[in-house]
Amino acid sequence: MTEGIVHGPVGPATRHICVDMQRMFAQGSWKIQWMAAVLPRIARICERHAPATIFTRFIPPDSPADAQGTWRDYYERWPEKTRGRLDPGQLELVEVLAAFAPPARLFDKAVYSPWLDGRLDLWLTTAGADCVVITGGETDMCVLSTVLGAVDRGLRVILVSDAVCSSIDKTHDAIMALYRTRFGVQIETLTTEALLDLWPRTPDLAAP
């Protein structure tokens, strides 16, 4: 299945989830090479839809000992990325996106998925959201968890194909092919330009 709209107009009950566009992924050992390329497109979406935007942030534990199961193994591999050793500023959004919050919301999570503790569900349900536009990184990790959780909840999902990024071309391409084929009914993929043509500017919103 190719890119395009399947389910009609993009309405006012749409929300934008921008995944983990933080300083620690813009530099250092976790640097996502593509981030710089997609940031201007994400910023254009945020400029038009800041009141409808939720920025997720990946927040590591204080130390590997504070993590559970294989997450402890993970942080033993990357101890410099735990909060006890990381410059706190590295957890913040990259500067070009930080300017949009507020009115955009911040949503902190400790794992790839933002759905586990129910807070994001509650926010979206309270807002009456029926569709999520997803941008950010990485396509094959935290974006994947965000997309599949939204699908499981029956939300309409629009993935902005030129506003997601990964560290590895091969897995990015494979996941994008998966989205377009196996999930072609539930996941729509659009370019930034196509999305902005279809989604009118979001006015100021009352906090849910």
N, C-alpha and C. Protein backbone atom coordinates (compact mmCIF):
# COMPACT_ATOMS: atom_id res chain seq x y z
N MET A 1 0.84 -1.19 0.00
CA MET A 1 0.00 0.00 0.00
C MET A 1 0.88 1.24 0.00
N THR A 2 0.54 2.25 -0.80
CA THR A 2 1.33 3.47 -0.89
C THR A 2 0.84 4.48 0.14
N GLU A 3 1.53 5.61 0.18
CA GLU A 3 1.14 6.64 1.12
C GLU A 3 -0.18 7.26 0.71
N GLY A 4 -0.90 7.74 1.71
CA GLY A 4 -2.12 8.46 1.42
C GLY A 4 -3.16 8.29 2.50
N ILE A 5 -4.21 9.09 2.39
CA ILE A 5 -5.30 9.07 3.35
C ILE A 5 -6.26 7.93 3.03
N VAL A 6 -6.66 7.22 4.06
CA VAL A 6 -7.62 6.12 3.93
C VAL A 6 -8.96 6.49 4.56
N HIS A 7 -8.92 7.21 5.67
CA HIS A 7 -10.11 7.41 6.49
C HIS A 7 -10.69 8.81 6.43
N GLY A 8 -10.44 9.54 5.35
CA GLY A 8 -11.08 10.83 5.18
C GLY A 8 -10.36 11.98 5.84
N PRO A 9 -11.05 13.11 6.00
CA PRO A 9 -10.42 14.33 6.50
C PRO A 9 -9.77 14.15 7.88
N VAL A 10 -8.77 14.99 8.14
CA VAL A 10 -8.12 15.00 9.44
C VAL A 10 -8.82 16.07 10.27
N GLY A 11 -9.53 15.65 11.32
CA GLY A 11 -10.43 16.55 12.02
C GLY A 11 -9.85 17.19 13.27
N PRO A 12 -10.67 18.01 13.95
CA PRO A 12 -10.21 18.76 15.13
C PRO A 12 -9.93 17.89 16.35
N ALA A 13 -10.37 16.63 16.34
CA ALA A 13 -10.08 15.73 17.47
C ALA A 13 -8.75 15.02 17.31
N THR A 14 -7.91 15.51 16.41
CA THR A 14 -6.58 14.93 16.17
C THR A 14 -5.56 15.53 17.14
N ARG A 15 -4.65 14.67 17.61
CA ARG A 15 -3.54 15.12 18.45
C ARG A 15 -2.23 14.63 17.83
N HIS A 16 -1.17 15.40 18.08
CA HIS A 16 0.16 15.10 17.54
C HIS A 16 1.05 14.59 18.67
N ILE A 17 1.58 13.38 18.52
CA ILE A 17 2.54 12.84 19.47
C ILE A 17 3.92 12.88 18.82
N CYS A 18 4.80 13.69 19.37
CA CYS A 18 6.18 13.78 18.90
C CYS A 18 7.05 12.99 19.86
N VAL A 19 7.72 11.98 19.36
CA VAL A 19 8.39 10.98 20.20
C VAL A 19 9.87 11.33 20.42
N ASP A 20 10.22 11.64 21.66
CA ASP A 20 11.60 11.61 22.17
C ASP A 20 12.61 12.44 21.38
N MET A 21 12.23 13.66 21.02
CA MET A 21 13.17 14.53 20.32
C MET A 21 13.96 15.33 21.36
N GLN A 22 14.88 14.62 22.02
CA GLN A 22 15.64 15.16 23.15
C GLN A 22 17.10 15.38 22.79
N ARG A 23 17.74 16.21 23.60
CA ARG A 23 19.14 16.55 23.32
C ARG A 23 20.06 15.35 23.38
N MET A 24 19.75 14.36 24.23
CA MET A 24 20.64 13.21 24.33
C MET A 24 20.62 12.34 23.08
N PHE A 25 19.62 12.54 22.22
CA PHE A 25 19.59 11.81 20.96
C PHE A 25 20.11 12.65 19.80
N ALA A 26 20.49 13.88 20.09
CA ALA A 26 21.04 14.76 19.07
C ALA A 26 22.57 14.77 19.08
N GLN A 27 23.17 14.12 20.10
CA GLN A 27 24.62 14.12 20.22
C GLN A 27 25.05 12.93 21.08
N GLY A 28 26.33 12.66 21.08
CA GLY A 28 26.87 11.60 21.94
C GLY A 28 26.62 10.20 21.40
N SER A 29 26.75 9.21 22.29
CA SER A 29 26.71 7.80 21.86
C SER A 29 25.33 7.35 21.41
N TRP A 30 24.29 8.08 21.76
CA TRP A 30 22.94 7.75 21.31
C TRP A 30 22.47 8.66 20.18
N LYS A 31 23.37 9.33 19.54
CA LYS A 31 22.99 10.29 18.50
C LYS A 31 22.25 9.61 17.36
N ILE A 32 21.12 10.20 16.98
CA ILE A 32 20.36 9.76 15.81
C ILE A 32 20.77 10.66 14.65
N GLN A 33 21.46 10.08 13.69
CA GLN A 33 22.04 10.88 12.62
C GLN A 33 20.98 11.66 11.83
N TRP A 34 19.81 11.09 11.68
CA TRP A 34 18.78 11.72 10.86
C TRP A 34 18.04 12.83 11.57
N MET A 35 18.23 12.98 12.86
CA MET A 35 17.39 13.93 13.60
C MET A 35 17.43 15.32 12.99
N ALA A 36 18.60 15.79 12.65
CA ALA A 36 18.73 17.15 12.12
C ALA A 36 17.91 17.32 10.84
N ALA A 37 17.80 16.27 10.05
CA ALA A 37 17.06 16.35 8.79
C ALA A 37 15.56 16.44 9.01
N VAL A 38 15.04 15.76 10.03
CA VAL A 38 13.58 15.74 10.22
C VAL A 38 13.10 16.88 11.12
N LEU A 39 13.97 17.48 11.91
CA LEU A 39 13.54 18.50 12.86
C LEU A 39 12.80 19.67 12.20
N PRO A 40 13.25 20.20 11.08
CA PRO A 40 12.50 21.31 10.48
C PRO A 40 11.07 20.92 10.11
N ARG A 41 10.86 19.68 9.71
CA ARG A 41 9.50 19.25 9.35
C ARG A 41 8.64 19.10 10.60
N ILE A 42 9.23 18.53 11.66
CA ILE A 42 8.48 18.42 12.92
C ILE A 42 8.15 19.81 13.44
N ALA A 43 9.08 20.74 13.34
CA ALA A 43 8.83 22.10 13.81
C ALA A 43 7.69 22.75 13.03
N ARG A 44 7.57 22.48 11.76
CA ARG A 44 6.47 23.05 10.97
C ARG A 44 5.13 22.52 11.47
N ILE A 45 5.08 21.22 11.79
CA ILE A 45 3.85 20.64 12.33
C ILE A 45 3.53 21.26 13.69
N CYS A 46 4.54 21.41 14.53
CA CYS A 46 4.34 21.99 15.86
C CYS A 46 3.91 23.45 15.77
N GLU A 47 4.48 24.19 14.86
CA GLU A 47 4.11 25.59 14.71
C GLU A 47 2.63 25.73 14.38
N ARG A 48 2.12 24.83 13.57
CA ARG A 48 0.71 24.84 13.18
C ARG A 48 -0.18 24.25 14.26
N HIS A 49 0.37 23.30 15.03
CA HIS A 49 -0.48 22.51 15.93
C HIS A 49 0.09 22.36 17.34
N ALA A 50 0.78 23.37 17.83
CA ALA A 50 1.36 23.27 19.18
C ALA A 50 0.32 22.94 20.25
N PRO A 51 -0.88 23.53 20.24
CA PRO A 51 -1.83 23.19 21.30
C PRO A 51 -2.29 21.73 21.28
N ALA A 52 -2.12 21.07 20.15
CA ALA A 52 -2.53 19.68 20.01
C ALA A 52 -1.36 18.71 20.15
N THR A 53 -0.19 19.21 20.51
CA THR A 53 1.02 18.39 20.52
C THR A 53 1.35 17.88 21.92
N ILE A 54 1.79 16.63 21.97
CA ILE A 54 2.34 16.01 23.17
C ILE A 54 3.75 15.56 22.84
N PHE A 55 4.74 16.07 23.56
CA PHE A 55 6.12 15.63 23.41
C PHE A 55 6.42 14.55 24.43
N THR A 56 6.75 13.35 23.98
CA THR A 56 7.21 12.34 24.94
C THR A 56 8.72 12.51 25.16
N ARG A 57 9.15 12.17 26.38
CA ARG A 57 10.57 12.21 26.72
C ARG A 57 10.94 10.89 27.38
N PHE A 58 12.03 10.31 26.94
CA PHE A 58 12.55 9.06 27.49
C PHE A 58 13.44 9.41 28.68
N ILE A 59 13.06 8.94 29.86
CA ILE A 59 13.76 9.31 31.10
C ILE A 59 14.40 8.05 31.71
N PRO A 60 15.73 7.94 31.67
CA PRO A 60 16.41 6.77 32.24
C PRO A 60 16.34 6.76 33.77
N PRO A 61 16.67 5.63 34.38
CA PRO A 61 16.73 5.55 35.84
C PRO A 61 17.97 6.27 36.38
N ASP A 62 18.04 6.41 37.69
CA ASP A 62 19.21 7.04 38.30
C ASP A 62 20.47 6.21 38.08
N SER A 63 20.34 4.89 38.11
CA SER A 63 21.48 3.99 37.94
C SER A 63 20.98 2.67 37.38
N PRO A 64 21.85 1.82 36.84
CA PRO A 64 21.40 0.50 36.38
C PRO A 64 20.70 -0.30 37.46
N ALA A 65 21.12 -0.15 38.72
CA ALA A 65 20.51 -0.91 39.81
C ALA A 65 19.05 -0.55 40.03
N ASP A 66 18.64 0.63 39.56
CA ASP A 66 17.25 1.05 39.72
C ASP A 66 16.33 0.52 38.63
N ALA A 67 16.90 -0.15 37.63
CA ALA A 67 16.10 -0.71 36.54
C ALA A 67 15.77 -2.17 36.83
N GLN A 68 14.76 -2.68 36.14
CA GLN A 68 14.31 -4.05 36.36
C GLN A 68 14.61 -4.93 35.15
N GLY A 69 14.88 -6.20 35.44
CA GLY A 69 15.01 -7.21 34.38
C GLY A 69 16.04 -6.84 33.34
N THR A 70 15.66 -6.98 32.08
CA THR A 70 16.61 -6.70 31.00
C THR A 70 16.91 -5.22 30.86
N TRP A 71 16.06 -4.36 31.46
CA TRP A 71 16.42 -2.94 31.47
C TRP A 71 17.67 -2.71 32.31
N ARG A 72 17.88 -3.51 33.35
CA ARG A 72 19.13 -3.38 34.10
C ARG A 72 20.32 -3.75 33.22
N ASP A 73 20.18 -4.82 32.44
CA ASP A 73 21.24 -5.20 31.51
C ASP A 73 21.49 -4.07 30.50
N TYR A 74 20.42 -3.46 30.05
CA TYR A 74 20.50 -2.38 29.07
C TYR A 74 21.34 -1.23 29.61
N TYR A 75 21.05 -0.81 30.84
CA TYR A 75 21.78 0.33 31.40
C TYR A 75 23.17 -0.04 31.92
N GLU A 76 23.41 -1.31 32.16
CA GLU A 76 24.78 -1.73 32.42
C GLU A 76 25.63 -1.60 31.15
N ARG A 77 24.96 -1.73 29.99
CA ARG A 77 25.64 -1.49 28.72
C ARG A 77 25.84 0.00 28.46
N TRP A 78 24.90 0.84 28.95
CA TRP A 78 24.94 2.28 28.70
C TRP A 78 24.90 3.06 30.03
N PRO A 79 25.82 2.82 30.97
CA PRO A 79 25.72 3.49 32.28
C PRO A 79 25.82 5.00 32.20
N GLU A 80 26.50 5.51 31.19
CA GLU A 80 26.65 6.96 31.07
C GLU A 80 25.34 7.65 30.73
N LYS A 81 24.30 6.87 30.37
CA LYS A 81 23.01 7.44 30.03
C LYS A 81 22.02 7.39 31.20
N THR A 82 22.45 6.93 32.35
CA THR A 82 21.59 6.98 33.54
C THR A 82 21.64 8.39 34.14
N ARG A 83 20.58 8.75 34.87
CA ARG A 83 20.47 10.12 35.35
C ARG A 83 21.56 10.49 36.35
N GLY A 84 22.10 9.49 37.04
CA GLY A 84 23.16 9.79 37.98
C GLY A 84 24.43 10.29 37.31
N ARG A 85 24.57 10.02 36.02
CA ARG A 85 25.79 10.41 35.31
C ARG A 85 25.53 11.37 34.15
N LEU A 86 24.27 11.52 33.78
CA LEU A 86 23.93 12.31 32.60
C LEU A 86 23.66 13.76 32.98
N ASP A 87 24.15 14.69 32.20
CA ASP A 87 23.79 16.10 32.36
C ASP A 87 22.27 16.22 32.23
N PRO A 88 21.57 16.76 33.24
CA PRO A 88 20.11 16.84 33.18
C PRO A 88 19.58 17.55 31.94
N GLY A 89 20.36 18.48 31.41
CA GLY A 89 19.93 19.19 30.22
C GLY A 89 19.77 18.28 29.01
N GLN A 90 20.44 17.12 29.04
CA GLN A 90 20.33 16.19 27.92
C GLN A 90 18.95 15.54 27.83
N LEU A 91 18.18 15.59 28.91
CA LEU A 91 16.84 15.02 28.90
C LEU A 91 15.81 15.95 28.28
N GLU A 92 16.19 17.22 28.11
CA GLU A 92 15.24 18.21 27.60
C GLU A 92 15.05 18.07 26.09
N LEU A 93 13.95 18.63 25.61
CA LEU A 93 13.72 18.67 24.17
C LEU A 93 14.81 19.49 23.48
N VAL A 94 15.07 19.17 22.23
CA VAL A 94 15.99 20.01 21.46
C VAL A 94 15.39 21.41 21.38
N GLU A 95 16.24 22.39 21.27
CA GLU A 95 15.83 23.79 21.44
C GLU A 95 14.71 24.20 20.50
N VAL A 96 14.77 23.80 19.25
CA VAL A 96 13.78 24.26 18.28
C VAL A 96 12.39 23.78 18.63
N LEU A 97 12.28 22.65 19.32
CA LEU A 97 10.97 22.13 19.72
C LEU A 97 10.56 22.57 21.11
N ALA A 98 11.52 22.80 21.99
CA ALA A 98 11.21 23.24 23.35
C ALA A 98 10.41 24.53 23.34
N ALA A 99 10.59 25.33 22.31
CA ALA A 99 9.89 26.62 22.23
C ALA A 99 8.38 26.45 22.12
N PHE A 100 7.92 25.26 21.76
CA PHE A 100 6.48 25.03 21.59
C PHE A 100 5.79 24.53 22.86
N ALA A 101 6.54 24.29 23.92
CA ALA A 101 5.97 23.74 25.15
C ALA A 101 6.18 24.69 26.32
N PRO A 102 5.12 25.30 26.87
CA PRO A 102 3.73 25.21 26.41
C PRO A 102 3.48 26.07 25.17
N PRO A 103 2.32 25.86 24.53
CA PRO A 103 1.14 25.12 24.94
C PRO A 103 1.24 23.61 24.77
N ALA A 104 2.23 23.12 24.02
CA ALA A 104 2.37 21.66 23.92
C ALA A 104 2.64 21.06 25.30
N ARG A 105 2.24 19.81 25.48
CA ARG A 105 2.44 19.10 26.75
C ARG A 105 3.72 18.27 26.71
N LEU A 106 4.28 18.01 27.88
CA LEU A 106 5.41 17.09 28.03
C LEU A 106 4.89 15.82 28.70
N PHE A 107 5.36 14.69 28.22
CA PHE A 107 4.94 13.40 28.78
C PHE A 107 6.19 12.55 28.96
N ASP A 108 6.57 12.28 30.21
CA ASP A 108 7.78 11.51 30.50
C ASP A 108 7.45 10.04 30.67
N LYS A 109 8.35 9.19 30.18
CA LYS A 109 8.17 7.75 30.26
C LYS A 109 9.52 7.11 30.51
N ALA A 110 9.51 5.90 31.08
CA ALA A 110 10.76 5.22 31.43
C ALA A 110 11.12 4.11 30.46
N VAL A 111 10.22 3.80 29.54
CA VAL A 111 10.43 2.70 28.60
C VAL A 111 10.07 3.18 27.19
N TYR A 112 10.16 2.29 26.22
CA TYR A 112 9.86 2.68 24.85
C TYR A 112 8.42 3.15 24.68
N SER A 113 7.49 2.45 25.30
CA SER A 113 6.06 2.74 25.12
C SER A 113 5.60 3.85 26.05
N PRO A 114 4.75 4.76 25.54
CA PRO A 114 4.16 5.78 26.42
C PRO A 114 2.82 5.36 27.02
N TRP A 115 2.39 4.12 26.74
CA TRP A 115 1.02 3.72 27.07
C TRP A 115 0.88 2.95 28.37
N LEU A 116 1.97 2.54 29.02
CA LEU A 116 1.88 1.51 30.05
C LEU A 116 1.12 1.95 31.30
N ASP A 117 1.28 3.19 31.73
CA ASP A 117 0.67 3.56 33.01
C ASP A 117 -0.71 4.20 32.88
N GLY A 118 -1.21 4.36 31.66
CA GLY A 118 -2.57 4.84 31.46
C GLY A 118 -2.73 6.35 31.38
N ARG A 119 -1.67 7.11 31.71
CA ARG A 119 -1.82 8.57 31.71
C ARG A 119 -2.09 9.13 30.32
N LEU A 120 -1.38 8.64 29.32
CA LEU A 120 -1.58 9.15 27.97
C LEU A 120 -2.98 8.81 27.47
N ASP A 121 -3.43 7.60 27.75
CA ASP A 121 -4.81 7.21 27.43
C ASP A 121 -5.80 8.20 28.03
N LEU A 122 -5.60 8.52 29.31
CA LEU A 122 -6.51 9.41 30.00
C LEU A 122 -6.52 10.79 29.36
N TRP A 123 -5.35 11.33 29.05
CA TRP A 123 -5.27 12.64 28.41
C TRP A 123 -6.03 12.66 27.10
N LEU A 124 -5.78 11.65 26.27
CA LEU A 124 -6.40 11.62 24.95
C LEU A 124 -7.90 11.41 25.05
N THR A 125 -8.32 10.52 25.96
CA THR A 125 -9.75 10.27 26.13
C THR A 125 -10.47 11.52 26.64
N THR A 126 -9.87 12.20 27.61
CA THR A 126 -10.46 13.42 28.16
C THR A 126 -10.57 14.50 27.09
N ALA A 127 -9.60 14.55 26.19
CA ALA A 127 -9.62 15.53 25.11
C ALA A 127 -10.55 15.13 23.97
N GLY A 128 -11.09 13.91 24.02
CA GLY A 128 -11.96 13.44 22.95
C GLY A 128 -11.22 13.09 21.67
N ALA A 129 -9.91 12.81 21.80
CA ALA A 129 -9.09 12.53 20.62
C ALA A 129 -9.48 11.20 19.98
N ASP A 130 -9.55 11.20 18.66
CA ASP A 130 -9.83 9.96 17.94
C ASP A 130 -8.76 9.62 16.91
N CYS A 131 -7.76 10.49 16.79
CA CYS A 131 -6.70 10.31 15.79
C CYS A 131 -5.41 10.86 16.36
N VAL A 132 -4.29 10.16 16.12
CA VAL A 132 -2.98 10.67 16.51
C VAL A 132 -2.06 10.73 15.30
N VAL A 133 -1.40 11.85 15.16
CA VAL A 133 -0.33 12.05 14.18
C VAL A 133 0.97 11.80 14.92
N ILE A 134 1.84 10.97 14.36
CA ILE A 134 3.07 10.58 15.07
C ILE A 134 4.30 10.97 14.28
N THR A 135 5.23 11.63 15.00
CA THR A 135 6.53 12.01 14.45
C THR A 135 7.60 11.64 15.47
N GLY A 136 8.87 11.82 15.10
CA GLY A 136 9.95 11.66 16.08
C GLY A 136 10.83 10.46 15.83
N GLY A 137 11.41 9.92 16.91
CA GLY A 137 12.37 8.85 16.77
C GLY A 137 12.35 7.88 17.95
N GLU A 138 12.90 6.70 17.78
CA GLU A 138 13.33 6.20 16.51
C GLU A 138 12.22 5.37 15.86
N THR A 139 12.18 5.38 14.55
CA THR A 139 11.14 4.71 13.77
C THR A 139 10.92 3.27 14.22
N ASP A 140 12.03 2.58 14.52
CA ASP A 140 11.99 1.15 14.77
C ASP A 140 12.09 0.81 16.26
N MET A 141 11.94 1.83 17.13
CA MET A 141 11.99 1.58 18.58
C MET A 141 10.83 2.30 19.27
N CYS A 142 11.05 3.51 19.76
CA CYS A 142 10.00 4.20 20.52
C CYS A 142 8.83 4.62 19.63
N VAL A 143 9.09 4.99 18.39
CA VAL A 143 7.98 5.28 17.48
C VAL A 143 7.16 4.02 17.24
N LEU A 144 7.82 2.90 17.05
CA LEU A 144 7.12 1.64 16.86
C LEU A 144 6.20 1.33 18.04
N SER A 145 6.70 1.47 19.26
CA SER A 145 5.88 1.21 20.44
C SER A 145 4.70 2.17 20.54
N THR A 146 4.93 3.41 20.18
CA THR A 146 3.87 4.41 20.22
C THR A 146 2.79 4.11 19.18
N VAL A 147 3.21 3.77 17.99
CA VAL A 147 2.28 3.46 16.90
C VAL A 147 1.43 2.24 17.24
N LEU A 148 2.06 1.15 17.66
CA LEU A 148 1.31 -0.08 17.90
C LEU A 148 0.37 0.07 19.09
N GLY A 149 0.78 0.82 20.11
CA GLY A 149 -0.13 1.07 21.23
C GLY A 149 -1.35 1.85 20.80
N ALA A 150 -1.16 2.82 19.92
CA ALA A 150 -2.30 3.60 19.42
C ALA A 150 -3.23 2.72 18.58
N VAL A 151 -2.65 1.85 17.77
CA VAL A 151 -3.45 0.91 16.97
C VAL A 151 -4.27 0.02 17.90
N ASP A 152 -3.65 -0.52 18.92
CA ASP A 152 -4.35 -1.41 19.86
C ASP A 152 -5.53 -0.69 20.52
N ARG A 153 -5.43 0.61 20.69
CA ARG A 153 -6.50 1.37 21.33
C ARG A 153 -7.57 1.82 20.35
N GLY A 154 -7.44 1.47 19.09
CA GLY A 154 -8.44 1.81 18.10
C GLY A 154 -8.36 3.24 17.60
N LEU A 155 -7.26 3.93 17.93
CA LEU A 155 -7.09 5.29 17.42
C LEU A 155 -6.69 5.27 15.96
N ARG A 156 -7.18 6.23 15.21
CA ARG A 156 -6.66 6.42 13.87
C ARG A 156 -5.21 6.89 13.99
N VAL A 157 -4.32 6.31 13.21
CA VAL A 157 -2.89 6.62 13.29
C VAL A 157 -2.41 7.15 11.96
N ILE A 158 -1.84 8.34 11.99
CA ILE A 158 -1.19 8.92 10.81
C ILE A 158 0.29 9.09 11.14
N LEU A 159 1.13 8.35 10.47
CA LEU A 159 2.58 8.42 10.66
C LEU A 159 3.16 9.34 9.58
N VAL A 160 3.89 10.35 10.00
CA VAL A 160 4.45 11.31 9.05
C VAL A 160 5.78 10.76 8.55
N SER A 161 5.79 10.26 7.34
CA SER A 161 6.90 9.43 6.86
C SER A 161 8.23 10.17 6.75
N ASP A 162 8.19 11.47 6.49
CA ASP A 162 9.45 12.22 6.39
C ASP A 162 9.75 13.02 7.66
N ALA A 163 9.04 12.70 8.75
CA ALA A 163 9.27 13.36 10.04
C ALA A 163 9.50 12.34 11.14
N VAL A 164 9.96 11.15 10.77
CA VAL A 164 10.43 10.15 11.72
C VAL A 164 11.86 9.79 11.34
N CYS A 165 12.63 9.35 12.34
CA CYS A 165 14.05 9.11 12.09
C CYS A 165 14.54 7.90 12.86
N SER A 166 15.63 7.34 12.37
CA SER A 166 16.26 6.18 12.99
C SER A 166 17.76 6.29 12.82
N SER A 167 18.48 5.46 13.56
CA SER A 167 19.93 5.40 13.42
C SER A 167 20.36 4.44 12.32
N ILE A 168 19.45 3.58 11.90
CA ILE A 168 19.81 2.51 10.96
C ILE A 168 18.85 2.52 9.77
N ASP A 169 19.37 2.77 8.58
CA ASP A 169 18.52 2.83 7.40
C ASP A 169 17.75 1.53 7.16
N LYS A 170 18.42 0.41 7.33
CA LYS A 170 17.81 -0.87 6.99
C LYS A 170 16.58 -1.16 7.83
N THR A 171 16.67 -0.94 9.12
CA THR A 171 15.51 -1.24 9.97
C THR A 171 14.43 -0.17 9.83
N HIS A 172 14.81 1.07 9.60
CA HIS A 172 13.82 2.11 9.30
C HIS A 172 12.99 1.71 8.08
N ASP A 173 13.68 1.34 7.01
CA ASP A 173 12.98 0.97 5.78
C ASP A 173 12.09 -0.25 5.98
N ALA A 174 12.57 -1.22 6.75
CA ALA A 174 11.79 -2.44 6.99
C ALA A 174 10.52 -2.13 7.77
N ILE A 175 10.64 -1.27 8.81
CA ILE A 175 9.46 -0.94 9.61
C ILE A 175 8.48 -0.11 8.79
N MET A 176 8.96 0.80 7.98
CA MET A 176 8.05 1.59 7.15
C MET A 176 7.30 0.68 6.18
N ALA A 177 7.98 -0.32 5.62
CA ALA A 177 7.31 -1.28 4.74
C ALA A 177 6.26 -2.07 5.51
N LEU A 178 6.58 -2.44 6.75
CA LEU A 178 5.62 -3.16 7.59
C LEU A 178 4.39 -2.31 7.84
N TYR A 179 4.57 -1.06 8.21
CA TYR A 179 3.44 -0.16 8.45
C TYR A 179 2.53 -0.09 7.22
N ARG A 180 3.12 -0.01 6.05
CA ARG A 180 2.34 0.23 4.83
C ARG A 180 1.68 -1.02 4.28
N THR A 181 2.15 -2.18 4.69
CA THR A 181 1.59 -3.42 4.14
C THR A 181 0.72 -4.14 5.17
N ARG A 182 1.30 -4.62 6.24
CA ARG A 182 0.54 -5.38 7.21
C ARG A 182 -0.46 -4.52 7.99
N PHE A 183 -0.19 -3.22 8.11
CA PHE A 183 -1.07 -2.33 8.87
C PHE A 183 -1.72 -1.27 7.99
N GLY A 184 -1.87 -1.57 6.71
CA GLY A 184 -2.34 -0.56 5.76
C GLY A 184 -3.71 0.00 6.05
N VAL A 185 -4.57 -0.75 6.74
CA VAL A 185 -5.90 -0.25 7.08
C VAL A 185 -5.85 0.64 8.31
N GLN A 186 -4.97 0.33 9.25
CA GLN A 186 -4.95 1.03 10.54
C GLN A 186 -3.92 2.13 10.64
N ILE A 187 -2.91 2.11 9.78
CA ILE A 187 -1.86 3.13 9.82
C ILE A 187 -1.79 3.80 8.45
N GLU A 188 -2.02 5.10 8.44
CA GLU A 188 -1.86 5.89 7.22
C GLU A 188 -0.51 6.59 7.28
N THR A 189 0.20 6.63 6.17
CA THR A 189 1.47 7.34 6.12
C THR A 189 1.36 8.51 5.14
N LEU A 190 1.80 9.67 5.61
CA LEU A 190 1.74 10.89 4.82
C LEU A 190 3.03 11.66 4.96
N THR A 191 3.38 12.45 3.97
CA THR A 191 4.48 13.40 4.11
C THR A 191 4.02 14.60 4.93
N THR A 192 4.97 15.37 5.39
CA THR A 192 4.64 16.59 6.13
C THR A 192 3.77 17.52 5.30
N GLU A 193 4.13 17.73 4.05
CA GLU A 193 3.36 18.63 3.19
C GLU A 193 1.93 18.15 3.04
N ALA A 194 1.75 16.86 2.82
CA ALA A 194 0.40 16.32 2.66
C ALA A 194 -0.41 16.48 3.94
N LEU A 195 0.22 16.23 5.08
CA LEU A 195 -0.48 16.38 6.35
C LEU A 195 -0.93 17.83 6.56
N LEU A 196 -0.03 18.78 6.33
CA LEU A 196 -0.37 20.18 6.58
C LEU A 196 -1.45 20.66 5.62
N ASP A 197 -1.52 20.08 4.44
CA ASP A 197 -2.60 20.42 3.51
C ASP A 197 -3.95 19.92 4.01
N LEU A 198 -3.94 18.82 4.77
CA LEU A 198 -5.18 18.16 5.18
C LEU A 198 -5.64 18.53 6.59
N TRP A 199 -4.72 19.02 7.44
CA TRP A 199 -5.04 19.26 8.85
C TRP A 199 -5.01 20.76 9.11
N PRO A 200 -6.18 21.37 9.29
CA PRO A 200 -6.22 22.82 9.56
C PRO A 200 -5.49 23.17 10.85
N ARG A 201 -5.13 24.43 10.97
CA ARG A 201 -4.42 24.90 12.16
C ARG A 201 -5.24 24.65 13.41
N THR A 202 -4.60 24.16 14.47
CA THR A 202 -5.28 23.91 15.74
C THR A 202 -5.37 25.20 16.54
N PRO A 203 -6.57 25.59 16.96
CA PRO A 203 -6.70 26.78 17.80
C PRO A 203 -6.23 26.47 19.23
N ASP A 204 -6.17 27.49 20.05
CA ASP A 204 -5.87 27.25 21.47
C ASP A 204 -6.91 26.31 22.05
N LEU A 205 -6.44 25.35 22.87
CA LEU A 205 -7.32 24.35 23.44
C LEU A 205 -7.35 24.47 24.94
N ALA A 206 -8.51 24.22 25.51
CA ALA A 206 -8.60 24.16 26.96
C ALA A 206 -7.90 22.89 27.43
N ALA A 207 -7.15 22.96 28.51
CA ALA A 207 -6.45 21.78 29.03
C ALA A 207 -7.47 20.75 29.48
N PRO A 208 -7.29 19.46 29.07
CA PRO A 208 -8.22 18.43 29.51
C PRO A 208 -8.05 18.12 30.99
